[in-house]
């Protein structure tokens, strides 16, 4: 993969910004949890609703990091066969591995859609604060749906490296 490719750089920046938003949400959850623990310890009383907010935000935080993980190719790979067969074979194997990852991400995103619809139709809320949980699931679903084209681009880059003899692809 050529790190100088402008489309690649844009994808990395957008997915990185999404992950940054996710990490900001995680920071908020950590602060809330710390304050809740401190309140329990100092005053013997929890902050009501921390678990409610955590239940909504955690799915969004995780889903926000998926596109960046895929774009940066941070998934676990076993490369000994590809390394032994050479760069073109490695790129071809990376492409096939990317296809399986694409299928997995697409199925996962596809399954989030009916769940988000079900949560919306049922009007589910959190226990204490009675916050609707459907917005969080729709945001997580949208983030996972964004992951599908990100992984598709990765597959295209991997296969282009396998089929093109140029080293600048």
Protein backbone atom coordinates (compact mmCIF):
# COMPACT_ATOMS: atom_id res chain seq x y z
CA UNK A 1 0.00 0.00 0.00
CA UNK A 2 1.40 3.34 -0.96
CA UNK A 3 1.09 5.72 1.96
CA UNK A 4 1.42 8.65 -0.47
CA UNK A 5 -1.91 7.83 -2.16
CA UNK A 6 -4.26 10.77 -1.53
CA UNK A 7 -7.35 8.58 -1.19
CA UNK A 8 -5.57 6.40 1.32
CA UNK A 9 -4.50 9.44 3.32
CA UNK A 10 -8.07 10.80 3.34
CA UNK A 11 -9.45 7.47 4.49
CA UNK A 12 -6.89 7.32 7.29
CA UNK A 13 -7.70 10.89 8.38
CA UNK A 14 -11.48 10.41 8.39
CA UNK A 15 -11.33 7.05 10.14
CA UNK A 16 -8.78 8.43 12.60
CA UNK A 17 -11.10 11.34 13.40
CA UNK A 18 -13.91 8.86 14.01
CA UNK A 19 -11.68 6.89 16.37
CA UNK A 20 -10.71 10.11 18.14
CA UNK A 21 -14.39 10.83 18.76
CA UNK A 22 -14.74 7.27 20.05
CA UNK A 23 -11.79 7.70 22.39
CA UNK A 24 -13.26 10.99 23.61
CA UNK A 25 -16.43 9.06 24.47
CA UNK A 26 -14.30 6.49 26.27
CA UNK A 27 -12.60 9.27 28.22
CA UNK A 28 -16.00 10.61 29.27
CA UNK A 29 -17.01 7.12 30.41
CA UNK A 30 -13.77 6.77 32.39
CA UNK A 31 -14.28 10.14 34.11
CA UNK A 32 -17.90 9.29 34.92
CA UNK A 33 -16.89 5.89 36.29
CA UNK A 34 -14.11 7.45 38.38
CA UNK A 35 -16.50 10.05 39.79
CA UNK A 36 -19.04 7.31 40.53
CA UNK A 37 -16.44 5.24 42.38
CA UNK A 38 -15.23 8.33 44.27
CA UNK A 39 -18.79 9.21 45.22
CA UNK A 40 -19.40 5.69 46.50
CA UNK A 41 -16.19 5.75 48.51
CA UNK A 42 -16.46 9.27 49.92
CA UNK A 43 -20.20 9.61 50.40
CA UNK A 44 -21.45 6.04 50.30
CA UNK A 45 -23.76 6.91 47.40
CA UNK A 46 -23.38 6.20 43.69
CA UNK A 47 -24.04 8.69 40.93
CA UNK A 48 -27.30 7.49 39.45
CA UNK A 49 -27.35 6.88 35.72
CA UNK A 50 -23.67 6.19 35.09
CA UNK A 51 -24.47 2.65 33.98
CA UNK A 52 -27.26 3.99 31.75
CA UNK A 53 -24.92 6.34 29.92
CA UNK A 54 -22.25 3.62 29.71
CA UNK A 55 -24.71 1.20 28.12
CA UNK A 56 -25.51 3.68 25.36
CA UNK A 57 -22.05 5.12 24.74
CA UNK A 58 -19.97 1.92 24.84
CA UNK A 59 -21.38 0.48 21.60
CA UNK A 60 -20.70 3.80 19.86
CA UNK A 61 -17.15 3.96 21.25
CA UNK A 62 -16.33 0.48 19.98
CA UNK A 63 -17.95 1.00 16.57
CA UNK A 64 -16.15 4.34 16.13
CA UNK A 65 -12.79 2.58 16.33
CA UNK A 66 -13.54 -0.17 13.79
CA UNK A 67 -12.95 1.91 10.61
CA UNK A 68 -9.62 3.23 11.92
CA UNK A 69 -8.54 -0.27 12.91
CA UNK A 70 -9.37 -1.55 9.44
CA UNK A 71 -7.80 1.43 7.61
CA UNK A 72 -4.57 1.14 9.57
CA UNK A 73 -4.59 -2.64 9.04
CA UNK A 74 -4.29 -3.22 12.77
CA UNK A 75 -6.01 -6.60 12.63
CA UNK A 76 -4.08 -9.73 13.54
CA UNK A 77 -2.46 -11.48 10.60
CA UNK A 78 -0.25 -14.51 10.12
CA UNK A 79 2.31 -13.60 7.50
CA UNK A 80 4.90 -16.39 7.42
CA UNK A 81 3.50 -17.99 4.24
CA UNK A 82 3.16 -14.69 2.38
CA UNK A 83 6.64 -13.62 3.42
CA UNK A 84 8.07 -16.93 2.23
CA UNK A 85 6.32 -16.74 -1.17
CA UNK A 86 7.28 -13.15 -1.99
CA UNK A 87 5.64 -9.72 -2.14
CA UNK A 88 3.14 -10.48 -4.92
CA UNK A 89 1.90 -13.65 -3.22
CA UNK A 90 1.77 -11.85 0.11
CA UNK A 91 -0.41 -9.13 -1.45
CA UNK A 92 -2.66 -11.78 -2.98
CA UNK A 93 -3.03 -13.54 0.39
CA UNK A 94 -3.65 -10.16 2.05
CA UNK A 95 -6.40 -9.55 -0.50
CA UNK A 96 -8.09 -12.86 0.28
CA UNK A 97 -7.78 -12.22 4.00
CA UNK A 98 -9.24 -8.77 3.40
CA UNK A 99 -12.17 -10.35 1.54
CA UNK A 100 -12.97 -12.50 4.58
CA UNK A 101 -12.68 -9.44 6.83
CA UNK A 102 -14.95 -7.52 4.44
CA UNK A 103 -17.53 -10.31 4.59
CA UNK A 104 -17.39 -10.37 8.38
CA UNK A 105 -17.73 -6.59 8.74
CA UNK A 106 -20.55 -6.49 6.17
CA UNK A 107 -22.51 -9.25 7.93
CA UNK A 108 -21.98 -7.61 11.31
CA UNK A 109 -23.16 -4.21 10.01
CA UNK A 110 -26.08 -5.87 8.23
CA UNK A 111 -27.17 -7.52 11.49
CA UNK A 112 -26.96 -4.24 13.39
CA UNK A 113 -29.62 -2.70 11.13
CA UNK A 114 -32.51 -5.00 12.17
CA UNK A 115 -31.41 -4.77 15.79
CA UNK A 116 -31.46 -0.97 15.68
CA UNK A 117 -34.90 -1.14 14.07
CA UNK A 118 -36.10 -3.52 16.77
CA UNK A 119 -34.76 -1.30 19.55
CA UNK A 120 -36.40 1.75 17.94
CA UNK A 121 -39.76 0.04 17.46
CA UNK A 122 -39.80 -1.33 21.00
CA UNK A 123 -39.01 2.08 22.52
CA UNK A 124 -36.42 0.59 24.87
CA UNK A 125 -34.97 2.95 27.43
CA UNK A 126 -32.29 2.75 30.09
CA UNK A 127 -33.36 1.63 33.55
CA UNK A 128 -32.62 4.66 35.70
CA UNK A 129 -32.60 7.75 33.48
CA UNK A 130 -35.15 6.37 31.00
CA UNK A 131 -32.98 7.51 28.07
CA UNK A 132 -33.91 5.98 24.71
CA UNK A 133 -31.20 3.56 23.62
CA UNK A 134 -32.03 3.56 19.91
CA UNK A 135 -29.97 6.66 19.00
CA UNK A 136 -26.82 5.00 20.33
CA UNK A 137 -27.51 1.85 18.35
CA UNK A 138 -28.22 3.83 15.17
CA UNK A 139 -24.93 5.69 15.55
CA UNK A 140 -23.06 2.42 16.14
CA UNK A 141 -24.81 0.92 13.10
CA UNK A 142 -23.84 3.89 10.92
CA UNK A 143 -20.22 3.61 12.05
CA UNK A 144 -20.15 -0.08 11.21
CA UNK A 145 -21.75 0.61 7.84
CA UNK A 146 -18.94 3.10 7.16
CA UNK A 147 -16.48 0.30 7.95
CA UNK A 148 -17.67 -1.71 4.95
CA UNK A 149 -16.40 0.66 2.23
CA UNK A 150 -13.22 1.23 4.24
CA UNK A 151 -12.48 -2.48 4.15
CA UNK A 152 -13.52 -2.66 0.49
CA UNK A 153 -10.87 -0.04 -0.37
CA UNK A 154 -8.28 -2.06 1.56
CA UNK A 155 -9.17 -5.16 -0.45
CA UNK A 156 -8.82 -3.16 -3.69
CA UNK A 157 -5.39 -1.89 -2.65
CA UNK A 158 -4.22 -5.37 -1.67
CA UNK A 159 -5.35 -6.94 -4.92
CA UNK A 160 -3.94 -4.05 -6.94
CA UNK A 161 -0.56 -4.77 -5.37
CA UNK A 162 -0.96 -8.44 -6.28
CA UNK A 163 -1.91 -7.85 -9.92
CA UNK A 164 0.17 -4.76 -10.76
CA UNK A 165 3.87 -5.06 -11.27
CA UNK A 166 4.46 -1.42 -10.34
CA UNK A 167 5.87 -0.81 -6.88
CA UNK A 168 4.01 2.48 -6.45
CA UNK A 169 0.51 0.97 -6.11
